Structure formats: C-alpha cells, structure tokens
C-alpha atoms as a PDB file:
ATOM      1  CA  MET A   1      25.558  15.320 -20.748  1.00  0.00           C
ATOM      2  CA  PRO A   2      22.335  16.611 -18.858  1.00  0.00           C
ATOM      3  CA  ALA A   3      20.204  13.539 -17.736  1.00  0.00           C
ATOM      4  CA  LYS A   4      17.225  14.987 -19.831  1.00  0.00           C
ATOM      5  CA  ILE A   5      17.340  17.318 -22.684  1.00  0.00           C
ATOM      6  CA  ASP A   6      13.854  18.757 -23.865  1.00  0.00           C
ATOM      7  CA  LEU A   7      15.048  20.566 -26.889  1.00  0.00           C
ATOM      8  CA  PRO A   8      17.790  20.350 -29.197  1.00  0.00           C
ATOM      9  CA  THR A   9      20.574  21.952 -27.778  1.00  0.00           C
ATOM     10  CA  LEU A  10      24.428  23.066 -28.732  1.00  0.00           C
ATOM     11  CA  GLN A  11      26.489  22.932 -25.747  1.00  0.00           C
ATOM     12  CA  ILE A  12      29.860  24.609 -25.628  1.00  0.00           C
ATOM     13  CA  LYS A  13      32.140  23.530 -22.654  1.00  0.00           C
ATOM     14  CA  ILE A  14      34.892  25.603 -22.234  1.00  0.00           C
ATOM     15  CA  ASP A  15      37.821  24.318 -19.915  1.00  0.00           C
ATOM     16  CA  ASN A  16      39.787  27.439 -18.817  1.00  0.00           C
ATOM     17  CA  LYS A  17      43.040  26.604 -16.921  1.00  0.00           C
ATOM     18  CA  GLU A  18      43.849  30.253 -17.461  1.00  0.00           C
ATOM     19  CA  ASP A  19      41.296  33.387 -17.094  1.00  0.00           C
ATOM     20  CA  ILE A  20      39.547  34.241 -19.999  1.00  0.00           C
ATOM     21  CA  GLU A  21      39.196  38.120 -20.935  1.00  0.00           C
ATOM     22  CA  LEU A  22      35.636  39.270 -21.238  1.00  0.00           C
ATOM     23  CA  PHE A  23      36.391  40.525 -24.531  1.00  0.00           C
ATOM     24  CA  ASP A  24      37.308  37.167 -25.850  1.00  0.00           C
ATOM     25  CA  PHE A  25      34.371  35.322 -24.417  1.00  0.00           C
ATOM     26  CA  VAL A  26      31.860  37.985 -25.826  1.00  0.00           C
ATOM     27  CA  SER A  27      33.317  38.093 -29.073  1.00  0.00           C
ATOM     28  CA  SER A  28      33.205  34.392 -29.330  1.00  0.00           C
ATOM     29  CA  MET A  29      29.593  34.185 -28.561  1.00  0.00           C
ATOM     30  CA  ASN A  30      28.811  37.017 -30.826  1.00  0.00           C
ATOM     31  CA  ALA A  31      30.839  35.286 -33.911  1.00  0.00           C
ATOM     32  CA  LEU A  32      29.140  32.086 -32.657  1.00  0.00           C
ATOM     33  CA  ASN A  33      25.607  33.928 -33.378  1.00  0.00           C
ATOM     34  CA  ASP A  34      26.158  35.358 -36.382  1.00  0.00           C
ATOM     35  CA  GLU A  35      27.629  32.342 -38.113  1.00  0.00           C
ATOM     36  CA  TYR A  36      24.152  30.590 -37.107  1.00  0.00           C
ATOM     37  CA  ILE A  37      22.575  33.277 -38.855  1.00  0.00           C
ATOM     38  CA  ARG A  38      24.575  33.018 -41.878  1.00  0.00           C
ATOM     39  CA  PHE A  39      24.347  29.351 -42.317  1.00  0.00           C
ATOM     40  CA  ALA A  40      20.396  29.506 -41.528  1.00  0.00           C
ATOM     41  CA  THR A  41      19.991  32.176 -43.956  1.00  0.00           C
ATOM     42  CA  GLN A  42      21.909  30.466 -46.875  1.00  0.00           C
ATOM     43  CA  ASN A  43      20.368  26.945 -46.400  1.00  0.00           C
ATOM     44  CA  LYS A  44      16.805  28.037 -44.884  1.00  0.00           C
ATOM     45  CA  LYS A  45      15.939  30.919 -47.292  1.00  0.00           C
ATOM     46  CA  GLN A  46      12.338  30.876 -46.821  1.00  0.00           C
ATOM     47  CA  LYS A  47      12.447  31.372 -43.201  1.00  0.00           C
ATOM     48  CA  PRO A  48      12.040  34.730 -41.669  1.00  0.00           C
ATOM     49  CA  ILE A  49      15.306  36.223 -40.563  1.00  0.00           C
ATOM     50  CA  ASN A  50      13.728  36.880 -37.296  1.00  0.00           C
ATOM     51  CA  ASP A  51      13.274  33.310 -36.571  1.00  0.00           C
ATOM     52  CA  PHE A  52      17.079  32.470 -36.806  1.00  0.00           C
ATOM     53  CA  LYS A  53      17.687  33.312 -32.876  1.00  0.00           C
ATOM     54  CA  LEU A  54      19.870  31.331 -30.425  1.00  0.00           C
ATOM     55  CA  TYR A  55      19.232  31.541 -26.522  1.00  0.00           C
ATOM     56  CA  VAL A  56      21.057  30.781 -23.578  1.00  0.00           C
ATOM     57  CA  ASN A  57      19.406  27.919 -21.730  1.00  0.00           C
ATOM     58  CA  LYS A  58      21.664  27.223 -19.141  1.00  0.00           C
ATOM     59  CA  VAL A  59      25.118  28.366 -17.430  1.00  0.00           C
ATOM     60  CA  SER A  60      26.935  26.054 -15.382  1.00  0.00           C
ATOM     61  CA  ASP A  61      29.568  26.553 -12.696  1.00  0.00           C
ATOM     62  CA  GLY A  62      33.231  25.062 -12.861  1.00  0.00           C
ATOM     63  CA  SER A  63      34.304  25.145 -16.112  1.00  0.00           C
ATOM     64  CA  ILE A  64      32.111  27.232 -18.475  1.00  0.00           C
ATOM     65  CA  VAL A  65      29.396  25.413 -19.932  1.00  0.00           C
ATOM     66  CA  ILE A  66      26.827  26.848 -22.085  1.00  0.00           C
ATOM     67  CA  ASP A  67      23.645  25.457 -23.219  1.00  0.00           C
ATOM     68  CA  LEU A  68      22.324  27.133 -26.510  1.00  0.00           C
ATOM     69  CA  VAL A  69      18.615  26.089 -27.809  1.00  0.00           C
ATOM     70  CA  GLU A  70      16.027  27.797 -30.400  1.00  0.00           C
ATOM     71  CA  LYS A  71      13.215  29.462 -28.665  1.00  0.00           C
ATOM     72  CA  THR A  72      10.813  28.060 -29.925  1.00  0.00           C
ATOM     73  CA  ILE A  73      10.833  24.809 -32.438  1.00  0.00           C
ATOM     74  CA  GLU A  74       8.575  22.457 -34.387  1.00  0.00           C
ATOM     75  CA  ILE A  75      10.014  19.219 -34.690  1.00  0.00           C
ATOM     76  CA  LEU A  76       8.362  17.682 -37.469  1.00  0.00           C
ATOM     77  CA  PRO A  77       8.764  13.825 -37.979  1.00  0.00           C
ATOM     78  CA  GLY A  78      12.211  12.842 -39.781  1.00  0.00           C
ATOM     79  CA  MET A  79      12.999  16.362 -39.623  1.00  0.00           C
ATOM     80  CA  VAL A  80      16.656  17.539 -38.585  1.00  0.00           C
ATOM     81  CA  PRO A  81      16.519  20.645 -36.106  1.00  0.00           C
ATOM     82  CA  MET A  82      18.346  23.793 -37.547  1.00  0.00           C
ATOM     83  CA  ILE A  83      20.614  23.832 -34.479  1.00  0.00           C
ATOM     84  CA  VAL A  84      21.353  20.071 -34.992  1.00  0.00           C
ATOM     85  CA  GLU A  85      22.290  20.957 -38.780  1.00  0.00           C
ATOM     86  CA  PHE A  86      24.257  23.968 -37.488  1.00  0.00           C
ATOM     87  CA  SER A  87      26.336  21.960 -35.278  1.00  0.00           C
ATOM     88  CA  TYR A  88      27.123  19.357 -37.921  1.00  0.00           C
ATOM     89  CA  PHE A  89      28.474  22.173 -40.108  1.00  0.00           C
ATOM     90  CA  LEU A  90      30.434  23.996 -37.045  1.00  0.00           C
ATOM     91  CA  VAL A  91      32.337  20.910 -36.367  1.00  0.00           C
ATOM     92  CA  GLU A  92      32.976  19.762 -39.748  1.00  0.00           C
ATOM     93  CA  THR A  93      34.263  23.073 -40.533  1.00  0.00           C
ATOM     94  CA  LEU A  94      36.682  23.310 -37.551  1.00  0.00           C
ATOM     95  CA  ASP A  95      37.738  19.614 -38.095  1.00  0.00           C
ATOM     96  CA  TYR A  96      38.809  21.071 -41.543  1.00  0.00           C
ATOM     97  CA  LEU A  97      40.611  24.247 -40.125  1.00  0.00           C
ATOM     98  CA  CYS A  98      42.596  22.253 -37.668  1.00  0.00           C
ATOM     99  CA  GLY A  99      43.654  19.525 -40.147  1.00  0.00           C
ATOM    100  CA  ARG A 100      41.497  16.556 -39.041  1.00  0.00           C
ATOM    101  CA  LYS A 101      39.228  16.573 -42.241  1.00  0.00           C
ATOM    102  CA  GLU A 102      40.599  16.955 -45.985  1.00  0.00           C
ATOM    103  CA  LYS A 103      37.833  18.993 -47.219  1.00  0.00           C
ATOM    104  CA  LEU A 104      35.658  21.609 -46.256  1.00  0.00           C
ATOM    105  CA  PRO A 105      31.701  20.808 -46.394  1.00  0.00           C
ATOM    106  CA  THR A 106      30.307  21.471 -49.871  1.00  0.00           C
ATOM    107  CA  TYR A 107      26.735  22.159 -49.197  1.00  0.00           C
ATOM    108  CA  TYR A 108      27.924  25.781 -47.652  1.00  0.00           C
ATOM    109  CA  LYS A 109      29.351  28.507 -49.751  1.00  0.00           C
ATOM    110  CA  TYR A 110      31.787  30.081 -47.837  1.00  0.00           C
ATOM    111  CA  GLN A 111      32.921  33.860 -47.432  1.00  0.00           C
ATOM    112  CA  ARG A 112      35.367  35.599 -46.119  1.00  0.00           C
ATOM    113  CA  GLU A 113      33.169  36.560 -43.126  1.00  0.00           C
ATOM    114  CA  ASP A 114      32.524  33.068 -42.363  1.00  0.00           C
ATOM    115  CA  PHE A 115      36.394  32.372 -41.510  1.00  0.00           C
ATOM    116  CA  PHE A 116      36.641  35.885 -39.552  1.00  0.00           C
ATOM    117  CA  ASN A 117      33.703  34.308 -37.192  1.00  0.00           C
ATOM    118  CA  PHE A 118      35.705  31.203 -36.907  1.00  0.00           C
ATOM    119  CA  LYS A 119      38.726  32.816 -35.962  1.00  0.00           C
ATOM    120  CA  LYS A 120      36.746  34.338 -33.112  1.00  0.00           C
ATOM    121  CA  ILE A 121      34.776  31.497 -32.070  1.00  0.00           C
ATOM    122  CA  VAL A 122      37.999  29.651 -30.854  1.00  0.00           C
ATOM    123  CA  ASN A 123      39.213  32.717 -29.354  1.00  0.00           C
ATOM    124  CA  VAL A 124      38.700  31.471 -25.940  1.00  0.00           C
ATOM    125  CA  ALA A 125      41.066  28.508 -26.454  1.00  0.00           C
ATOM    126  CA  ALA A 126      43.507  30.188 -28.951  1.00  0.00           C
ATOM    127  CA  ASN A 127      44.556  32.950 -26.667  1.00  0.00           C
ATOM    128  CA  ASN A 128      44.950  30.933 -23.474  1.00  0.00           C
ATOM    129  CA  HIS A 129      47.811  28.056 -23.345  1.00  0.00           C
ATOM    130  CA  GLY A 130      45.743  25.834 -20.989  1.00  0.00           C
ATOM    131  CA  ASN A 131      42.299  26.167 -22.310  1.00  0.00           C
ATOM    132  CA  SER A 132      40.266  24.188 -24.584  1.00  0.00           C
ATOM    133  CA  ILE A 133      36.860  24.610 -26.010  1.00  0.00           C
ATOM    134  CA  ALA A 134      34.301  21.671 -26.810  1.00  0.00           C
ATOM    135  CA  PHE A 135      31.063  21.220 -28.731  1.00  0.00           C
ATOM    136  CA  LEU A 136      28.432  18.797 -27.877  1.00  0.00           C
ATOM    137  CA  SER A 137      25.293  18.401 -29.948  1.00  0.00           C
ATOM    138  CA  VAL A 138      22.116  16.927 -28.797  1.00  0.00           C
ATOM    139  CA  ASN A 139      18.800  16.004 -30.382  1.00  0.00           C
ATOM    140  CA  THR A 140      16.592  15.773 -27.372  1.00  0.00           C
ATOM    141  CA  GLU A 141      18.189  12.563 -25.681  1.00  0.00           C
ATOM    142  CA  THR A 142      20.645  11.584 -28.356  1.00  0.00           C
ATOM    143  CA  THR A 143      24.228  12.993 -28.902  1.00  0.00           C
ATOM    144  CA  THR A 144      25.127  13.620 -32.466  1.00  0.00           C
ATOM    145  CA  ILE A 145      28.136  15.265 -32.214  1.00  0.00           C
ATOM    146  CA  ASN A 146      31.072  15.470 -29.375  1.00  0.00           C
ATOM    147  CA  ASN A 147      34.084  17.606 -30.450  1.00  0.00           C
ATOM    148  CA  TYR A 148      36.819  18.827 -28.453  1.00  0.00           C
ATOM    149  CA  TYR A 149      39.601  21.374 -29.847  1.00  0.00           C
ATOM    150  CA  SER A 150      42.815  21.869 -27.856  1.00  0.00           C
ATOM    151  CA  ASN A 151      44.847  25.226 -27.507  1.00  0.00           C
ATOM    152  CA  PRO A 152      47.242  24.212 -30.161  1.00  0.00           C
ATOM    153  CA  GLU A 153      44.232  22.970 -32.410  1.00  0.00           C
ATOM    154  CA  ALA A 154      42.521  26.027 -31.735  1.00  0.00           C
ATOM    155  CA  ASN A 155      45.658  28.082 -32.824  1.00  0.00           C
ATOM    156  CA  ALA A 156      45.894  26.164 -36.103  1.00  0.00           C
ATOM    157  CA  ILE A 157      42.265  26.840 -36.789  1.00  0.00           C
ATOM    158  CA  GLN A 158      42.945  30.520 -36.730  1.00  0.00           C
ATOM    159  CA  ASN A 159      46.089  29.999 -38.789  1.00  0.00           C
ATOM    160  CA  ASP A 160      44.131  28.378 -41.258  1.00  0.00           C
ATOM    161  CA  CYS A 161      41.045  30.662 -41.298  1.00  0.00           C
ATOM    162  CA  THR A 162      43.958  33.356 -42.338  1.00  0.00           C
ATOM    163  CA  LYS A 163      44.840  31.363 -45.148  1.00  0.00           C
ATOM    164  CA  GLU A 164      41.211  30.722 -46.405  1.00  0.00           C
ATOM    165  CA  ILE A 165      40.702  34.486 -46.429  1.00  0.00           C
ATOM    166  CA  LYS A 166      43.488  34.983 -48.206  1.00  0.00           C
ATOM    167  CA  ARG A 167      42.471  32.519 -50.730  1.00  0.00           C
ATOM    168  CA  LEU A 168      39.285  33.897 -51.213  1.00  0.00           C
ATOM    169  CA  GLU A 169      40.510  37.322 -51.802  1.00  0.00           C
ATOM    170  CA  ALA A 170      42.742  36.035 -54.271  1.00  0.00           C
ATOM    171  CA  LYS A 171      40.282  34.742 -55.986  1.00  0.00           C
ATOM    172  CA  GLY A 172      38.684  38.170 -56.528  1.00  0.00           C
ATOM    173  CA  GLN A 173      36.139  38.272 -53.851  1.00  0.00           C
ATOM    174  CA  SER A 174      35.531  42.161 -52.602  1.00  0.00           C
ATOM    175  CA  LEU A 175      37.950  43.654 -50.103  1.00  0.00           C
ATOM    176  CA  LEU A 176      36.536  45.608 -47.270  1.00  0.00           C
ATOM    177  CA  ARG A 177      38.091  48.858 -45.815  1.00  0.00           C
ATOM    178  CA  GLU A 178      37.117  50.623 -43.007  1.00  0.00           C
ATOM    179  CA  LYS A 179      37.418  54.318 -42.045  1.00  0.00           C
ATOM    180  CA  VAL A 180      39.279  55.528 -45.344  1.00  0.00           C
ATOM    181  CA  SER A 181      39.265  59.175 -46.287  1.00  0.00           C
ATOM    182  CA  LEU A 182      37.133  59.635 -49.440  1.00  0.00           C
ATOM    183  CA  LYS A 183      37.462  62.822 -51.660  1.00  0.00           C
ATOM    184  CA  LEU A 184      34.699  63.661 -54.421  1.00  0.00           C
ATOM    185  CA  TYR A 185      36.067  63.939 -57.933  1.00  0.00           C
ATOM    186  CA  GLN A 186      32.522  64.360 -59.192  1.00  0.00           C
ATOM    187  CA  ALA A 187      29.284  64.465 -58.009  1.00  0.00           C
ATOM    188  CA  ARG A 188      26.601  63.397 -60.003  1.00  0.00           C
ATOM    189  CA  ASP A 189      22.902  65.213 -59.807  1.00  0.00           C
ATOM    190  CA  SER A 190      24.387  66.906 -56.622  1.00  0.00           C
ATOM    191  CA  VAL A 191      23.754  70.765 -55.538  1.00  0.00           C
ATOM    192  CA  LEU A 192      26.658  71.390 -57.797  1.00  0.00           C
ATOM    193  CA  SER A 193      25.622  69.686 -60.914  1.00  0.00           C
ATOM    194  CA  GLU A 194      22.837  67.948 -62.757  1.00  0.00           C
ATOM    195  CA  SER A 195      25.479  65.685 -64.334  1.00  0.00           C
ATOM    196  CA  LYS A 196      23.975  62.053 -64.933  1.00  0.00           C
ATOM    197  CA  ARG A 197      27.888  60.912 -65.662  1.00  0.00           C
ATOM    198  CA  GLY A 198      28.383  59.311 -62.515  1.00  0.00           C
ATOM    199  CA  ASN A 199      29.571  59.716 -58.937  1.00  0.00           C
ATOM    200  CA  LEU A 200      33.772  59.471 -59.071  1.00  0.00           C
ATOM    201  CA  GLY A 201      35.944  59.482 -55.683  1.00  0.00           C
ATOM    202  CA  ILE A 202      39.535  59.173 -54.749  1.00  0.00           C
ATOM    203  CA  ILE A 203      40.688  56.934 -51.807  1.00  0.00           C
ATOM    204  CA  GLU A 204      44.273  57.633 -51.574  1.00  0.00           C
ATOM    205  CA  GLU A 205      44.905  55.107 -49.196  1.00  0.00           C
ATOM    206  CA  ILE A 206      43.964  52.544 -52.103  1.00  0.00           C
ATOM    207  CA  SER A 207      44.350  54.602 -55.268  1.00  0.00           C
ATOM    208  CA  ASP A 208      44.952  58.042 -56.387  1.00  0.00           C
ATOM    209  CA  LYS A 209      42.798  57.478 -59.532  1.00  0.00           C
ATOM    210  CA  PRO A 210      39.021  58.409 -59.176  1.00  0.00           C
ATOM    211  CA  LYS A 211      36.928  55.735 -59.481  1.00  0.00           C
ATOM    212  CA  VAL A 212      32.815  55.270 -59.917  1.00  0.00           C
ATOM    213  CA  LEU A 213      31.239  55.428 -56.550  1.00  0.00           C
ATOM    214  CA  GLU A 214      28.210  53.290 -55.616  1.00  0.00           C
ATOM    215  CA  PHE A 215      26.505  53.407 -52.180  1.00  0.00           C
ATOM    216  CA  VAL A 216      24.578  50.739 -49.896  1.00  0.00           C
ATOM    217  CA  ASN A 217      21.384  53.020 -49.707  1.00  0.00           C
ATOM    218  CA  ASP A 218      20.048  56.406 -51.000  1.00  0.00           C
ATOM    219  CA  ARG A 219      20.458  57.949 -47.726  1.00  0.00           C
ATOM    220  CA  LEU A 220      23.930  57.643 -47.798  1.00  0.00           C
ATOM    221  CA  ARG A 221      23.925  58.768 -51.521  1.00  0.00           C
ATOM    222  CA  TYR A 222      22.405  62.007 -50.134  1.00  0.00           C
ATOM    223  CA  ASP A 223      24.544  62.483 -47.205  1.00  0.00           C
ATOM    224  CA  ILE A 224      27.606  62.562 -49.415  1.00  0.00           C
ATOM    225  CA  SER A 225      26.827  63.847 -52.307  1.00  0.00           C
ATOM    226  CA  LYS A 226      23.660  66.241 -51.262  1.00  0.00           C
ATOM    227  CA  ALA A 227      23.903  67.425 -47.868  1.00  0.00           C
ATOM    228  CA  GLU A 228      26.597  69.768 -48.185  1.00  0.00           C
ATOM    229  CA  LYS A 229      26.506  72.886 -49.950  1.00  0.00           C
ATOM    230  CA  ASN A 230      29.487  72.147 -51.821  1.00  0.00           C
ATOM    231  CA  PRO A 231      30.212  68.413 -51.415  1.00  0.00           C
ATOM    232  CA  LEU A 232      33.620  68.429 -53.052  1.00  0.00           C
ATOM    233  CA  ASN A 233      35.030  70.925 -50.227  1.00  0.00           C
ATOM    234  CA  PHE A 234      34.931  67.777 -47.724  1.00  0.00           C
ATOM    235  CA  ILE A 235      36.583  64.646 -46.994  1.00  0.00           C
ATOM    236  CA  TYR A 236      34.442  61.973 -46.043  1.00  0.00           C
ATOM    237  CA  ASN A 237      35.541  59.150 -43.321  1.00  0.00           C
ATOM    238  CA  VAL A 238      33.908  56.026 -44.928  1.00  0.00           C
ATOM    239  CA  ASP A 239      33.573  52.428 -44.799  1.00  0.00           C
ATOM    240  CA  VAL A 240      34.313  50.854 -48.235  1.00  0.00           C
ATOM    241  CA  GLU A 241      34.016  47.864 -50.162  1.00  0.00           C
ATOM    242  CA  ILE A 242      36.415  47.542 -53.094  1.00  0.00           C
ATOM    243  CA  LYS A 243      34.668  45.864 -56.049  1.00  0.00           C
ATOM    244  CA  LEU A 244      37.171  44.294 -58.502  1.00  0.00           C
ATOM    245  CA  LYS A 245      36.806  44.034 -62.513  1.00  0.00           C
ATOM    246  CA  GLU A 246      35.850  40.611 -63.872  1.00  0.00           C
ATOM    247  CA  GLY A 247      38.863  38.533 -64.411  1.00  0.00           C
ATOM    248  CA  SER A 248      40.960  40.568 -62.004  1.00  0.00           C
ATOM    249  CA  LEU A 249      42.461  37.777 -59.469  1.00  0.00           C
ATOM    250  CA  PHE A 250      44.025  40.533 -56.978  1.00  0.00           C
ATOM    251  CA  LEU A 251      44.156  44.191 -55.932  1.00  0.00           C
ATOM    252  CA  GLU A 252      47.571  44.911 -57.710  1.00  0.00           C
ATOM    253  CA  SER A 253      46.959  48.279 -59.139  1.00  0.00           C
ATOM    254  CA  HIS A 254      44.041  50.840 -59.688  1.00  0.00           C
ATOM    255  CA  LYS A 255      43.270  48.894 -63.099  1.00  0.00           C
ATOM    256  CA  ASP A 256      41.821  46.138 -61.104  1.00  0.00           C
ATOM    257  CA  ILE A 257      39.212  48.298 -59.443  1.00  0.00           C
ATOM    258  CA  LYS A 258      35.884  48.423 -61.006  1.00  0.00           C
ATOM    259  CA  GLU A 259      34.034  50.755 -58.502  1.00  0.00           C
ATOM    260  CA  TYR A 260      33.899  51.565 -54.451  1.00  0.00           C
ATOM    261  CA  GLU A 261      30.480  50.668 -52.830  1.00  0.00           C
ATOM    262  CA  ILE A 262      30.319  53.178 -49.698  1.00  0.00           C
ATOM    263  CA  LEU A 263      29.010  51.142 -46.965  1.00  0.00           C
ATOM    264  CA  LYS A 264      28.946  53.376 -43.851  1.00  0.00           C
ATOM    265  CA  LEU A 265      29.719  57.371 -43.235  1.00  0.00           C
ATOM    266  CA  HIS A 266      31.583  57.833 -40.025  1.00  0.00           C
ATOM    267  CA  GLY A 267      31.932  61.859 -40.363  1.00  0.00           C
ATOM    268  CA  LEU A 268      33.315  64.535 -42.557  1.00  0.00           C
ATOM    269  CA  ILE A 269      35.887  67.225 -42.389  1.00  0.00           C
ATOM    270  CA  GLU A 270      36.530  70.603 -44.453  1.00  0.00           C
ATOM    271  CA  ASN A 271      39.444  69.521 -47.012  1.00  0.00           C
ATOM    272  CA  ILE A 272      41.989  72.074 -45.586  1.00  0.00           C
ATOM    273  CA  ASP A 273      44.338  71.297 -48.701  1.00  0.00           C
ATOM    274  CA  LEU A 274      41.873  72.963 -51.134  1.00  0.00           C
ATOM    275  CA  PHE A 275      41.721  76.040 -49.018  1.00  0.00           C
ATOM    276  CA  ARG A 276      45.884  76.230 -49.166  1.00  0.00           C
ATOM    277  CA  GLU A 277      45.735  75.680 -52.990  1.00  0.00           C
ATOM    278  CA  LYS A 278      43.322  78.976 -53.211  1.00  0.00           C
END
C-alpha cells in the first residue's frame, strides 16, 4: 500500500505471469467503469449522472497496478465515500460468484448486464493461466478491503455469471438480440397508412409471427416507419429487446412474446423476395 493516500482509492493489481491482450485489459476496465456507474445510479439516484466518474490516479511498474479515484469528492463526517461503497459491493459479489460466500448482497437489484460486466472484469485473470487480479480499497489511510482472485477463481466467477444470466432470463427478464432482420408487417401512421392500430413486425430469427413493435425513441420510429416511401419494401437490421408476457418464464414459443422494442437501427436493404413474388 502507498505510504500516503490523499483520496479514497480503489487499487487494482494484476499479477501477470502471462502477457495480457490489450482487448482483455480495456474490456475489463470498461466493464468496471460501467458497473461503478450502474451501482452509483441505483444507490444514489439524486446525484447527477455526470458525477459518476472514475479516474486513473496512478499506474505502477512491474505488476499492473492501477489506482482509481473519484475526481472531486466532498467527504462529510461519518459518510462512506461512493468508491469505498462500490469496493465492498464489488468484492462481495465476486466472493459469491467464486464460492466464498453463500449469498449475493441484498441491497442491490442485480440485472443481466451486471453479470456480463463481472465476467469481463476478471477477463485479465481468467484468460491467462498464471495471472490473478486483486482489489484493494483504501479510505484515505485505512485499508477497508484487500481481496485476491486467482486464475481458477476468475474462471469460476465467469462460469457462475453465466448461470446467473440464465437464471435471470428464466425469471422472465427481457432478452436482447443484436443485428437481427426486421420486416414490417404493419406500419402505423406511416406514409402508407393513417392506421392507429399499431406497428407490427416479423423477426424470423425469433418468430415467424408478427408482433407489436415499440421504439426506444421517436427518431427511430420515424426512420423505420416513415423515412422511406414504402417502408414495407425494406428489411431493417436492428438491435431488439424481446419483452415477454406477464407470467411467461421462458421464451419457448411466439406465444411468450408480448412485443419487440427496437433499440437501434444499423441499416436497411430492399427486400428482394418481394420483387421475386411480383
């Protein structure tokens, strides 16, 4: 531990017996930052989102050692700094995922994205046989946590993350699909029709039945249902969230699907099959 630490710090130490791929390292740090934001947002909703930022305070030689701090912080008497709270949450979760604890923390509502982040955070140890990762939390000069995870434990963490993701999906949490092909079946209030009945679409990779379409914003709705002269003549490459009906625990058939929420449009192409049919 450094001789003196002026700010609450989360120190990450990676003992790398094997070289670490840059992609794994960057992915790990990005996931850590995203999880910090998710944790801070859920637990401190009154704080502006722009305040939730971590900064690299120092990178040391030898083993990869990174000190992360909050840029500006006002520490009130008796108040636990956010980064220290996050440090506890981080190691309590990792301890559960590698089998050291029997339960996850109950003060946080976990979602699928949390476990995707934890899988990536330990990549630098899981993907290299001789490597390990450690987290040291220091509140000014007092060590609050000091937890170490070996390569086998990192792999156990990733395996259990996969189980947790499947468990949450089985409970009916929405499912995400990237870059699937959407065909419009009915376009509400489009250039073709003033119908108010609703947008319907078919994503054959998921189901051959038309389902209700919702859009994450009005701009996306316009780009898909109104931008083209005949939107039904195109296939849209989209990211989608599958919303399940209340009471459906699994996506077993089209009957479990309540609607598709379109999250992003990557591009569109003319539907050649339509011209062949003509």
